[in-house]
Amino acid sequence: MKFLKFFLIIFISLTTTVKADLNKKLITQLEEGGKLIFIRHAYAPGSGDPDNFNLNDCSTQRNLSKEGQRQAKYIGEFFRNNKVKIDKVLSSEWCRCKETAKIAFRNFSTNSFLNSFYSSKFAKNKDKQAKALKEYIKKFKSDKNLVLVTHYVLISEILNYGPSSGEIVVSNKNLNIIGSLEINY
């Protein structure tokens, strides 16, 4: 039993150190600029959208909970505390993404190529959105980073990666993942 406790303490210590080193490397990459920063919107309980979903009416959508709002605040603090240079922040038109962007970064604009295509109502947009996003990225020229606040389905489609709520996924312009960071609330 003592051996098991000892092993557990060593394992926790090592994984914490590894995680800290990975975060340092990711921050160094972000300092270089020119990266794409995909952020899945902060925590909004449930999945998908209600049947009465209306893009122009937040009361019909899944929205951030208090925990999600706190998580969005922590996302913004991560970028400010690490002095990450940001060229622009783009958000999906869904309210949970806009609220994440507003709380974390204050200034942002929306772009439909970041919208969800999870529901059958929007599934037909997937290929068009992916193409438009890739064209935008191709034309993006900056020594700062581009923040894209979006949804699980889009990040999964573009980067072949399934992010948690509020997770930051950093890639280069070739859409190769450099690293990710989960912001807990």
N, C-alpha and C. Protein backbone atom coordinates (compact mmCIF):
# COMPACT_ATOMS: atom_id res chain seq x y z
N MET A 1 0.82 -1.20 0.00
CA MET A 1 0.00 0.00 0.00
C MET A 1 0.87 1.27 0.00
N LYS A 2 1.95 1.25 0.81
CA LYS A 2 2.85 2.41 0.85
C LYS A 2 3.48 2.64 -0.52
N PHE A 3 3.84 1.53 -1.20
CA PHE A 3 4.43 1.64 -2.52
C PHE A 3 3.47 2.30 -3.50
N LEU A 4 2.20 1.93 -3.42
CA LEU A 4 1.18 2.50 -4.31
C LEU A 4 1.03 4.00 -4.08
N LYS A 5 1.00 4.43 -2.82
CA LYS A 5 0.91 5.86 -2.51
C LYS A 5 2.14 6.61 -3.03
N PHE A 6 3.32 6.01 -2.81
CA PHE A 6 4.56 6.61 -3.28
C PHE A 6 4.53 6.78 -4.80
N PHE A 7 4.12 5.72 -5.50
CA PHE A 7 4.03 5.75 -6.96
C PHE A 7 3.05 6.83 -7.42
N LEU A 8 1.93 6.95 -6.75
CA LEU A 8 0.92 7.94 -7.10
C LEU A 8 1.47 9.36 -6.93
N ILE A 9 2.18 9.61 -5.85
CA ILE A 9 2.77 10.93 -5.60
C ILE A 9 3.79 11.26 -6.68
N ILE A 10 4.64 10.30 -7.03
CA ILE A 10 5.65 10.52 -8.08
C ILE A 10 4.96 10.80 -9.42
N PHE A 11 3.92 10.03 -9.75
CA PHE A 11 3.20 10.20 -11.02
C PHE A 11 2.58 11.58 -11.11
N ILE A 12 1.93 12.02 -10.06
CA ILE A 12 1.30 13.35 -10.05
C ILE A 12 2.35 14.44 -10.21
N SER A 13 3.47 14.31 -9.53
CA SER A 13 4.55 15.30 -9.62
C SER A 13 5.10 15.39 -11.04
N LEU A 14 5.32 14.24 -11.65
CA LEU A 14 5.88 14.22 -13.00
C LEU A 14 4.92 14.79 -14.03
N THR A 15 3.64 14.42 -13.95
CA THR A 15 2.69 14.92 -14.95
C THR A 15 2.49 16.41 -14.81
N THR A 16 2.53 16.95 -13.59
CA THR A 16 2.39 18.39 -13.39
C THR A 16 3.56 19.13 -14.02
N THR A 17 4.78 18.60 -13.84
CA THR A 17 5.97 19.21 -14.43
C THR A 17 5.91 19.15 -15.95
N VAL A 18 5.52 18.02 -16.49
CA VAL A 18 5.40 17.88 -17.95
C VAL A 18 4.39 18.87 -18.50
N LYS A 19 3.24 18.99 -17.82
CA LYS A 19 2.20 19.92 -18.27
C LYS A 19 2.71 21.36 -18.25
N ALA A 20 3.45 21.74 -17.19
CA ALA A 20 3.99 23.09 -17.09
C ALA A 20 4.99 23.34 -18.22
N ASP A 21 5.83 22.36 -18.54
CA ASP A 21 6.79 22.50 -19.63
C ASP A 21 6.09 22.64 -20.97
N LEU A 22 5.03 21.85 -21.19
CA LEU A 22 4.27 21.95 -22.44
C LEU A 22 3.62 23.32 -22.57
N ASN A 23 3.07 23.84 -21.46
CA ASN A 23 2.46 25.18 -21.49
C ASN A 23 3.49 26.24 -21.83
N LYS A 24 4.71 26.11 -21.27
CA LYS A 24 5.78 27.06 -21.55
C LYS A 24 6.14 27.04 -23.04
N LYS A 25 6.24 25.84 -23.60
CA LYS A 25 6.56 25.71 -25.03
C LYS A 25 5.46 26.32 -25.90
N LEU A 26 4.21 26.11 -25.50
CA LEU A 26 3.09 26.66 -26.25
C LEU A 26 3.11 28.19 -26.19
N ILE A 27 3.38 28.74 -25.02
CA ILE A 27 3.45 30.20 -24.87
C ILE A 27 4.59 30.76 -25.72
N THR A 28 5.72 30.06 -25.76
CA THR A 28 6.85 30.49 -26.61
C THR A 28 6.42 30.52 -28.07
N GLN A 29 5.70 29.51 -28.52
CA GLN A 29 5.20 29.47 -29.90
C GLN A 29 4.25 30.65 -30.16
N LEU A 30 3.40 30.95 -29.20
CA LEU A 30 2.46 32.07 -29.36
C LEU A 30 3.19 33.41 -29.41
N GLU A 31 4.29 33.52 -28.65
CA GLU A 31 5.09 34.75 -28.67
C GLU A 31 5.67 35.02 -30.05
N GLU A 32 5.96 33.95 -30.79
CA GLU A 32 6.49 34.10 -32.15
C GLU A 32 5.47 34.72 -33.09
N GLY A 33 4.17 34.54 -32.80
CA GLY A 33 3.11 35.10 -33.62
C GLY A 33 2.84 34.28 -34.87
N GLY A 34 1.87 34.73 -35.64
CA GLY A 34 1.52 34.05 -36.88
C GLY A 34 0.80 32.73 -36.70
N LYS A 35 0.29 32.48 -35.50
CA LYS A 35 -0.39 31.21 -35.22
C LYS A 35 -1.90 31.39 -35.29
N LEU A 36 -2.58 30.26 -35.48
CA LEU A 36 -4.04 30.22 -35.43
C LEU A 36 -4.42 29.69 -34.06
N ILE A 37 -5.29 30.40 -33.38
CA ILE A 37 -5.72 30.00 -32.05
C ILE A 37 -7.21 29.68 -32.11
N PHE A 38 -7.52 28.41 -32.17
CA PHE A 38 -8.91 27.96 -32.18
C PHE A 38 -9.36 27.81 -30.73
N ILE A 39 -10.48 28.41 -30.40
CA ILE A 39 -11.03 28.27 -29.05
C ILE A 39 -12.46 27.76 -29.17
N ARG A 40 -12.71 26.60 -28.54
CA ARG A 40 -14.09 26.14 -28.47
C ARG A 40 -14.77 27.02 -27.43
N HIS A 41 -15.96 27.49 -27.72
CA HIS A 41 -16.68 28.36 -26.80
C HIS A 41 -16.64 27.79 -25.39
N ALA A 42 -16.72 28.68 -24.40
CA ALA A 42 -16.71 28.28 -23.00
C ALA A 42 -17.94 27.42 -22.68
N TYR A 43 -17.96 26.91 -21.48
CA TYR A 43 -18.97 25.92 -21.08
C TYR A 43 -20.41 26.44 -21.21
N ALA A 44 -21.18 25.73 -22.02
CA ALA A 44 -22.61 25.99 -22.22
C ALA A 44 -23.29 24.63 -22.08
N PRO A 45 -23.97 24.38 -20.97
CA PRO A 45 -24.53 23.05 -20.70
C PRO A 45 -25.41 22.52 -21.84
N GLY A 46 -25.34 21.21 -22.04
CA GLY A 46 -26.15 20.56 -23.06
C GLY A 46 -25.34 20.29 -24.32
N SER A 47 -26.04 19.94 -25.40
CA SER A 47 -25.38 19.77 -26.69
C SER A 47 -26.35 20.16 -27.80
N GLY A 48 -25.79 20.60 -28.90
CA GLY A 48 -26.64 21.04 -29.99
C GLY A 48 -27.42 22.29 -29.61
N ASP A 49 -28.47 22.54 -30.36
CA ASP A 49 -29.33 23.70 -30.09
C ASP A 49 -30.78 23.27 -30.03
N PRO A 50 -31.60 24.01 -29.28
CA PRO A 50 -33.02 23.67 -29.17
C PRO A 50 -33.72 23.73 -30.54
N ASP A 51 -34.85 23.06 -30.65
CA ASP A 51 -35.61 23.04 -31.91
C ASP A 51 -36.02 24.43 -32.38
N ASN A 52 -36.27 25.33 -31.42
CA ASN A 52 -36.71 26.69 -31.78
C ASN A 52 -35.52 27.64 -32.00
N PHE A 53 -34.33 27.10 -32.22
CA PHE A 53 -33.11 27.89 -32.40
C PHE A 53 -33.31 28.99 -33.44
N ASN A 54 -32.90 30.21 -33.06
CA ASN A 54 -32.93 31.36 -33.95
C ASN A 54 -31.60 32.08 -33.77
N LEU A 55 -30.84 32.19 -34.83
CA LEU A 55 -29.52 32.81 -34.77
C LEU A 55 -29.55 34.22 -34.20
N ASN A 56 -30.64 34.94 -34.40
CA ASN A 56 -30.75 36.33 -33.95
C ASN A 56 -31.40 36.48 -32.58
N ASP A 57 -31.65 35.39 -31.89
CA ASP A 57 -32.31 35.45 -30.59
C ASP A 57 -31.59 34.53 -29.61
N CYS A 58 -30.76 35.13 -28.75
CA CYS A 58 -29.97 34.33 -27.80
C CYS A 58 -30.84 33.53 -26.84
N SER A 59 -32.06 33.98 -26.59
CA SER A 59 -32.92 33.25 -25.64
C SER A 59 -33.35 31.88 -26.20
N THR A 60 -33.16 31.66 -27.50
CA THR A 60 -33.52 30.38 -28.11
C THR A 60 -32.31 29.45 -28.24
N GLN A 61 -31.15 29.90 -27.77
CA GLN A 61 -29.91 29.15 -27.94
C GLN A 61 -29.38 28.60 -26.62
N ARG A 62 -28.46 27.66 -26.74
CA ARG A 62 -27.69 27.20 -25.58
C ARG A 62 -26.68 28.29 -25.27
N ASN A 63 -26.65 28.77 -24.05
CA ASN A 63 -25.78 29.87 -23.69
C ASN A 63 -24.81 29.48 -22.59
N LEU A 64 -23.82 30.35 -22.35
CA LEU A 64 -22.85 30.09 -21.30
C LEU A 64 -23.53 30.08 -19.94
N SER A 65 -23.11 29.14 -19.10
CA SER A 65 -23.55 29.13 -17.71
C SER A 65 -22.64 30.09 -16.94
N LYS A 66 -22.87 30.25 -15.66
CA LYS A 66 -21.99 31.08 -14.81
C LYS A 66 -20.56 30.54 -14.87
N GLU A 67 -20.44 29.20 -14.86
CA GLU A 67 -19.12 28.57 -14.96
C GLU A 67 -18.48 28.91 -16.31
N GLY A 68 -19.27 28.88 -17.37
CA GLY A 68 -18.77 29.22 -18.70
C GLY A 68 -18.31 30.67 -18.78
N GLN A 69 -19.05 31.56 -18.15
CA GLN A 69 -18.65 32.97 -18.13
C GLN A 69 -17.34 33.14 -17.37
N ARG A 70 -17.19 32.40 -16.27
CA ARG A 70 -15.95 32.45 -15.49
C ARG A 70 -14.80 31.87 -16.34
N GLN A 71 -15.07 30.79 -17.05
CA GLN A 71 -14.06 30.18 -17.90
C GLN A 71 -13.62 31.15 -19.00
N ALA A 72 -14.56 31.86 -19.61
CA ALA A 72 -14.23 32.85 -20.64
C ALA A 72 -13.34 33.95 -20.06
N LYS A 73 -13.63 34.35 -18.84
CA LYS A 73 -12.81 35.37 -18.17
C LYS A 73 -11.38 34.84 -18.00
N TYR A 74 -11.23 33.58 -17.59
CA TYR A 74 -9.91 32.97 -17.40
C TYR A 74 -9.17 32.84 -18.73
N ILE A 75 -9.90 32.58 -19.80
CA ILE A 75 -9.27 32.51 -21.13
C ILE A 75 -8.64 33.85 -21.46
N GLY A 76 -9.39 34.91 -21.27
CA GLY A 76 -8.86 36.26 -21.52
C GLY A 76 -7.65 36.57 -20.64
N GLU A 77 -7.73 36.17 -19.37
CA GLU A 77 -6.60 36.40 -18.45
C GLU A 77 -5.35 35.66 -18.91
N PHE A 78 -5.53 34.45 -19.43
CA PHE A 78 -4.38 33.69 -19.94
C PHE A 78 -3.66 34.50 -21.02
N PHE A 79 -4.41 35.05 -21.97
CA PHE A 79 -3.79 35.81 -23.06
C PHE A 79 -3.17 37.11 -22.56
N ARG A 80 -3.85 37.82 -21.65
CA ARG A 80 -3.31 39.07 -21.12
C ARG A 80 -2.08 38.81 -20.25
N ASN A 81 -2.16 37.83 -19.35
CA ASN A 81 -1.04 37.54 -18.45
C ASN A 81 0.21 37.10 -19.19
N ASN A 82 0.02 36.43 -20.32
CA ASN A 82 1.16 35.95 -21.11
C ASN A 82 1.51 36.90 -22.25
N LYS A 83 0.84 38.03 -22.29
CA LYS A 83 1.10 39.07 -23.29
C LYS A 83 1.14 38.52 -24.72
N VAL A 84 0.17 37.65 -25.02
CA VAL A 84 0.08 37.06 -26.36
C VAL A 84 -0.43 38.12 -27.32
N LYS A 85 0.32 38.34 -28.39
CA LYS A 85 -0.05 39.35 -29.39
C LYS A 85 -1.16 38.79 -30.28
N ILE A 86 -2.23 39.56 -30.38
CA ILE A 86 -3.38 39.12 -31.18
C ILE A 86 -3.66 40.15 -32.27
N ASP A 87 -3.75 39.67 -33.50
CA ASP A 87 -4.08 40.53 -34.64
C ASP A 87 -5.58 40.82 -34.63
N LYS A 88 -6.38 39.74 -34.62
CA LYS A 88 -7.83 39.90 -34.53
C LYS A 88 -8.47 38.68 -33.90
N VAL A 89 -9.70 38.92 -33.43
CA VAL A 89 -10.51 37.86 -32.84
C VAL A 89 -11.77 37.75 -33.69
N LEU A 90 -11.98 36.56 -34.24
CA LEU A 90 -13.20 36.27 -35.01
C LEU A 90 -14.02 35.25 -34.23
N SER A 91 -15.33 35.39 -34.31
CA SER A 91 -16.23 34.49 -33.59
C SER A 91 -17.33 33.97 -34.51
N SER A 92 -17.81 32.80 -34.17
CA SER A 92 -19.03 32.27 -34.77
C SER A 92 -20.16 33.27 -34.46
N GLU A 93 -21.24 33.17 -35.20
CA GLU A 93 -22.39 34.05 -34.96
C GLU A 93 -23.29 33.52 -33.83
N TRP A 94 -23.01 32.32 -33.32
CA TRP A 94 -23.79 31.76 -32.21
C TRP A 94 -23.49 32.56 -30.94
N CYS A 95 -24.51 32.78 -30.13
CA CYS A 95 -24.40 33.62 -28.93
C CYS A 95 -23.35 33.11 -27.94
N ARG A 96 -23.22 31.78 -27.78
CA ARG A 96 -22.24 31.27 -26.81
C ARG A 96 -20.81 31.57 -27.24
N CYS A 97 -20.57 31.63 -28.54
CA CYS A 97 -19.25 31.99 -29.04
C CYS A 97 -19.01 33.50 -28.89
N LYS A 98 -20.02 34.28 -29.25
CA LYS A 98 -19.89 35.74 -29.14
C LYS A 98 -19.67 36.15 -27.69
N GLU A 99 -20.39 35.50 -26.77
CA GLU A 99 -20.22 35.84 -25.35
C GLU A 99 -18.83 35.45 -24.87
N THR A 100 -18.33 34.30 -25.30
CA THR A 100 -16.97 33.88 -24.95
C THR A 100 -15.97 34.93 -25.44
N ALA A 101 -16.10 35.33 -26.70
CA ALA A 101 -15.19 36.31 -27.29
C ALA A 101 -15.28 37.66 -26.58
N LYS A 102 -16.49 38.08 -26.27
CA LYS A 102 -16.68 39.39 -25.62
C LYS A 102 -16.06 39.41 -24.22
N ILE A 103 -16.32 38.37 -23.43
CA ILE A 103 -15.79 38.31 -22.07
C ILE A 103 -14.26 38.19 -22.10
N ALA A 104 -13.74 37.32 -22.96
CA ALA A 104 -12.30 37.06 -23.00
C ALA A 104 -11.50 38.19 -23.64
N PHE A 105 -12.01 38.75 -24.74
CA PHE A 105 -11.20 39.67 -25.54
C PHE A 105 -11.80 41.06 -25.72
N ARG A 106 -13.07 41.24 -25.39
CA ARG A 106 -13.81 42.48 -25.56
C ARG A 106 -14.11 42.78 -27.03
N ASN A 107 -13.08 42.99 -27.85
CA ASN A 107 -13.27 43.35 -29.26
C ASN A 107 -13.18 42.12 -30.15
N PHE A 108 -14.18 41.95 -30.99
CA PHE A 108 -14.21 40.82 -31.91
C PHE A 108 -15.18 41.14 -33.03
N SER A 109 -15.11 40.37 -34.08
CA SER A 109 -16.12 40.43 -35.13
C SER A 109 -16.57 39.01 -35.42
N THR A 110 -17.71 38.88 -36.08
CA THR A 110 -18.23 37.54 -36.37
C THR A 110 -17.97 37.19 -37.83
N ASN A 111 -17.92 35.89 -38.07
CA ASN A 111 -17.80 35.40 -39.43
C ASN A 111 -18.53 34.07 -39.52
N SER A 112 -19.38 33.94 -40.52
CA SER A 112 -20.22 32.74 -40.66
C SER A 112 -19.42 31.46 -40.91
N PHE A 113 -18.18 31.58 -41.40
CA PHE A 113 -17.42 30.35 -41.62
C PHE A 113 -17.02 29.66 -40.32
N LEU A 114 -17.24 30.33 -39.17
CA LEU A 114 -16.96 29.73 -37.87
C LEU A 114 -18.20 29.14 -37.21
N ASN A 115 -19.35 29.24 -37.88
CA ASN A 115 -20.61 28.76 -37.31
C ASN A 115 -20.63 27.24 -37.18
N SER A 116 -21.54 26.77 -36.34
CA SER A 116 -21.73 25.34 -36.15
C SER A 116 -22.47 24.74 -37.34
N PHE A 117 -22.18 23.49 -37.62
CA PHE A 117 -22.96 22.74 -38.61
C PHE A 117 -23.36 21.40 -38.01
N TYR A 118 -23.52 21.39 -36.68
CA TYR A 118 -23.87 20.19 -35.94
C TYR A 118 -25.27 19.67 -36.28
N SER A 119 -26.22 20.59 -36.29
CA SER A 119 -27.61 20.16 -36.54
C SER A 119 -27.85 19.95 -38.03
N SER A 120 -28.84 19.13 -38.33
CA SER A 120 -29.16 18.85 -39.74
C SER A 120 -29.55 20.14 -40.48
N LYS A 121 -30.07 21.11 -39.74
CA LYS A 121 -30.46 22.39 -40.32
C LYS A 121 -29.27 23.11 -40.97
N PHE A 122 -28.06 22.91 -40.41
CA PHE A 122 -26.88 23.62 -40.90
C PHE A 122 -25.82 22.70 -41.51
N ALA A 123 -26.03 21.39 -41.50
CA ALA A 123 -25.05 20.42 -41.98
C ALA A 123 -24.62 20.68 -43.43
N LYS A 124 -25.53 21.18 -44.23
CA LYS A 124 -25.22 21.44 -45.65
C LYS A 124 -24.15 22.53 -45.82
N ASN A 125 -23.88 23.31 -44.78
CA ASN A 125 -22.91 24.40 -44.85
C ASN A 125 -21.47 23.96 -44.61
N LYS A 126 -21.28 22.74 -44.14
CA LYS A 126 -19.96 22.27 -43.69
C LYS A 126 -18.86 22.51 -44.73
N ASP A 127 -19.01 22.01 -45.93
CA ASP A 127 -17.96 22.11 -46.94
C ASP A 127 -17.69 23.56 -47.34
N LYS A 128 -18.76 24.32 -47.48
CA LYS A 128 -18.63 25.74 -47.85
C LYS A 128 -17.87 26.51 -46.76
N GLN A 129 -18.22 26.25 -45.51
CA GLN A 129 -17.55 26.93 -44.40
C GLN A 129 -16.08 26.54 -44.31
N ALA A 130 -15.79 25.26 -44.43
CA ALA A 130 -14.40 24.79 -44.36
C ALA A 130 -13.56 25.44 -45.46
N LYS A 131 -14.12 25.51 -46.64
CA LYS A 131 -13.40 26.12 -47.77
C LYS A 131 -13.16 27.61 -47.51
N ALA A 132 -14.19 28.32 -47.04
CA ALA A 132 -14.06 29.76 -46.77
C ALA A 132 -13.04 30.03 -45.65
N LEU A 133 -13.05 29.21 -44.62
CA LEU A 133 -12.09 29.37 -43.52
C LEU A 133 -10.67 29.15 -44.03
N LYS A 134 -10.46 28.11 -44.80
CA LYS A 134 -9.12 27.81 -45.32
C LYS A 134 -8.64 28.93 -46.25
N GLU A 135 -9.54 29.51 -47.03
CA GLU A 135 -9.16 30.65 -47.89
C GLU A 135 -8.77 31.86 -47.04
N TYR A 136 -9.52 32.11 -45.99
CA TYR A 136 -9.22 33.23 -45.09
C TYR A 136 -7.83 33.04 -44.48
N ILE A 137 -7.57 31.83 -43.99
CA ILE A 137 -6.29 31.52 -43.36
C ILE A 137 -5.15 31.69 -44.36
N LYS A 138 -5.35 31.25 -45.57
CA LYS A 138 -4.34 31.36 -46.62
C LYS A 138 -3.95 32.82 -46.85
N LYS A 139 -4.94 33.72 -46.78
CA LYS A 139 -4.70 35.15 -47.03
C LYS A 139 -4.22 35.89 -45.77
N PHE A 140 -4.35 35.26 -44.60
CA PHE A 140 -3.98 35.91 -43.34
C PHE A 140 -2.46 36.11 -43.27
N LYS A 141 -2.05 37.35 -43.17
CA LYS A 141 -0.62 37.69 -43.07
C LYS A 141 -0.45 38.62 -41.87
N SER A 142 0.23 38.13 -40.86
CA SER A 142 0.46 38.96 -39.68
C SER A 142 1.56 38.33 -38.84
N ASP A 143 2.27 39.17 -38.10
CA ASP A 143 3.25 38.64 -37.16
C ASP A 143 2.61 38.44 -35.78
N LYS A 144 1.29 38.70 -35.74
CA LYS A 144 0.51 38.43 -34.53
C LYS A 144 -0.35 37.20 -34.78
N ASN A 145 -1.09 36.79 -33.77
CA ASN A 145 -1.91 35.59 -33.84
C ASN A 145 -3.36 35.90 -34.20
N LEU A 146 -4.03 34.93 -34.80
CA LEU A 146 -5.44 35.03 -35.16
C LEU A 146 -6.24 34.12 -34.23
N VAL A 147 -7.22 34.70 -33.53
CA VAL A 147 -8.08 33.93 -32.62
C VAL A 147 -9.39 33.63 -33.31
N LEU A 148 -9.80 32.36 -33.24
CA LEU A 148 -11.05 31.89 -33.86
C LEU A 148 -11.89 31.22 -32.80
N VAL A 149 -12.95 31.88 -32.35
CA VAL A 149 -13.83 31.32 -31.32
C VAL A 149 -14.97 30.60 -32.04
N THR A 150 -15.07 29.30 -31.82
CA THR A 150 -15.96 28.50 -32.64
C THR A 150 -16.51 27.30 -31.88
N HIS A 151 -16.84 26.25 -32.60
CA HIS A 151 -17.54 25.08 -32.05
C HIS A 151 -16.71 23.81 -32.20
N TYR A 152 -17.11 22.82 -31.42
CA TYR A 152 -16.48 21.50 -31.47
C TYR A 152 -16.43 20.96 -32.90
N VAL A 153 -17.58 21.01 -33.59
CA VAL A 153 -17.65 20.38 -34.92
C VAL A 153 -16.69 21.01 -35.92
N LEU A 154 -16.53 22.32 -35.85
CA LEU A 154 -15.64 22.98 -36.80
C LEU A 154 -14.18 22.64 -36.49
N ILE A 155 -13.81 22.71 -35.21
CA ILE A 155 -12.42 22.38 -34.83
C ILE A 155 -12.12 20.93 -35.19
N SER A 156 -13.08 20.06 -34.92
CA SER A 156 -12.92 18.65 -35.24
C SER A 156 -12.74 18.44 -36.75
N GLU A 157 -13.50 19.14 -37.55
CA GLU A 157 -13.43 19.03 -39.01
C GLU A 157 -12.10 19.57 -39.55
N ILE A 158 -11.70 20.74 -39.07
CA ILE A 158 -10.52 21.43 -39.61
C ILE A 158 -9.22 20.83 -39.09
N LEU A 159 -9.18 20.51 -37.77
CA LEU A 159 -7.93 20.06 -37.16
C LEU A 159 -7.92 18.57 -36.81
N ASN A 160 -9.05 17.90 -37.02
CA ASN A 160 -9.16 16.49 -36.65
C ASN A 160 -8.84 16.29 -35.16
N TYR A 161 -9.43 17.16 -34.35
CA TYR A 161 -9.18 17.16 -32.91
C TYR A 161 -10.48 17.52 -32.19
N GLY A 162 -10.79 16.81 -31.13
CA GLY A 162 -12.01 17.06 -30.37
C GLY A 162 -11.74 17.84 -29.10
N PRO A 163 -11.96 19.16 -29.10
CA PRO A 163 -11.66 19.99 -27.93
C PRO A 163 -12.74 19.96 -26.85
N SER A 164 -12.35 20.22 -25.63
CA SER A 164 -13.28 20.41 -24.52
C SER A 164 -13.82 21.83 -24.58
N SER A 165 -14.87 22.10 -23.82
CA SER A 165 -15.39 23.47 -23.74
C SER A 165 -14.29 24.40 -23.23
N GLY A 166 -14.10 25.51 -23.92
CA GLY A 166 -13.11 26.50 -23.51
C GLY A 166 -11.67 26.13 -23.82
N GLU A 167 -11.45 25.01 -24.48
CA GLU A 167 -10.07 24.60 -24.77
C GLU A 167 -9.48 25.45 -25.89
N ILE A 168 -8.21 25.77 -25.73
CA ILE A 168 -7.45 26.56 -26.69
C ILE A 168 -6.59 25.58 -27.50
N VAL A 169 -6.74 25.58 -28.81
CA VAL A 169 -5.96 24.69 -29.67
C VAL A 169 -5.18 25.57 -30.65
N VAL A 170 -3.87 25.46 -30.60
CA VAL A 170 -3.01 26.31 -31.41
C VAL A 170 -2.46 25.50 -32.59
N SER A 171 -2.55 26.10 -33.77
CA SER A 171 -1.99 25.45 -34.96
C SER A 171 -1.21 26.46 -35.78
N ASN A 172 -0.44 25.93 -36.73
CA ASN A 172 0.20 26.82 -37.69
C ASN A 172 -0.76 27.03 -38.86
N LYS A 173 -0.33 27.79 -39.85
CA LYS A 173 -1.22 28.09 -40.99
C LYS A 173 -1.49 26.86 -41.86
N ASN A 174 -0.69 25.82 -41.70
CA ASN A 174 -0.92 24.57 -42.43
C ASN A 174 -1.88 23.66 -41.67
N LEU A 175 -2.44 24.18 -40.59
CA LEU A 175 -3.41 23.47 -39.74
C LEU A 175 -2.82 22.25 -39.05
N ASN A 176 -1.52 22.33 -38.75
CA ASN A 176 -0.87 21.32 -37.93
C ASN A 176 -0.92 21.80 -36.48
N ILE A 177 -1.44 20.97 -35.61
CA ILE A 177 -1.58 21.36 -34.20
C ILE A 177 -0.21 21.46 -33.55
N ILE A 178 -0.01 22.57 -32.85
CA ILE A 178 1.22 22.81 -32.11
C ILE A 178 1.03 22.39 -30.66
N GLY A 179 -0.15 22.65 -30.14
CA GLY A 179 -0.44 22.29 -28.75
C GLY A 179 -1.83 22.76 -28.37
N SER A 180 -2.24 22.37 -27.18
CA SER A 180 -3.55 22.80 -26.68
C SER A 180 -3.46 23.05 -25.18
N LEU A 181 -4.43 23.78 -24.71
CA LEU A 181 -4.47 24.14 -23.30
C LEU A 181 -5.91 24.19 -22.85
N GLU A 182 -6.22 23.47 -21.79
CA GLU A 182 -7.58 23.51 -21.24
C GLU A 182 -7.63 24.55 -20.14
N ILE A 183 -8.59 25.44 -20.22
CA ILE A 183 -8.80 26.46 -19.20
C ILE A 183 -9.97 25.99 -18.34
N ASN A 184 -9.68 25.70 -17.08
CA ASN A 184 -10.72 25.23 -16.18
C ASN A 184 -11.44 26.38 -15.52
N TYR A 185 -12.66 26.12 -15.18
CA TYR A 185 -13.47 27.13 -14.51
C TYR A 185 -13.69 26.70 -13.11
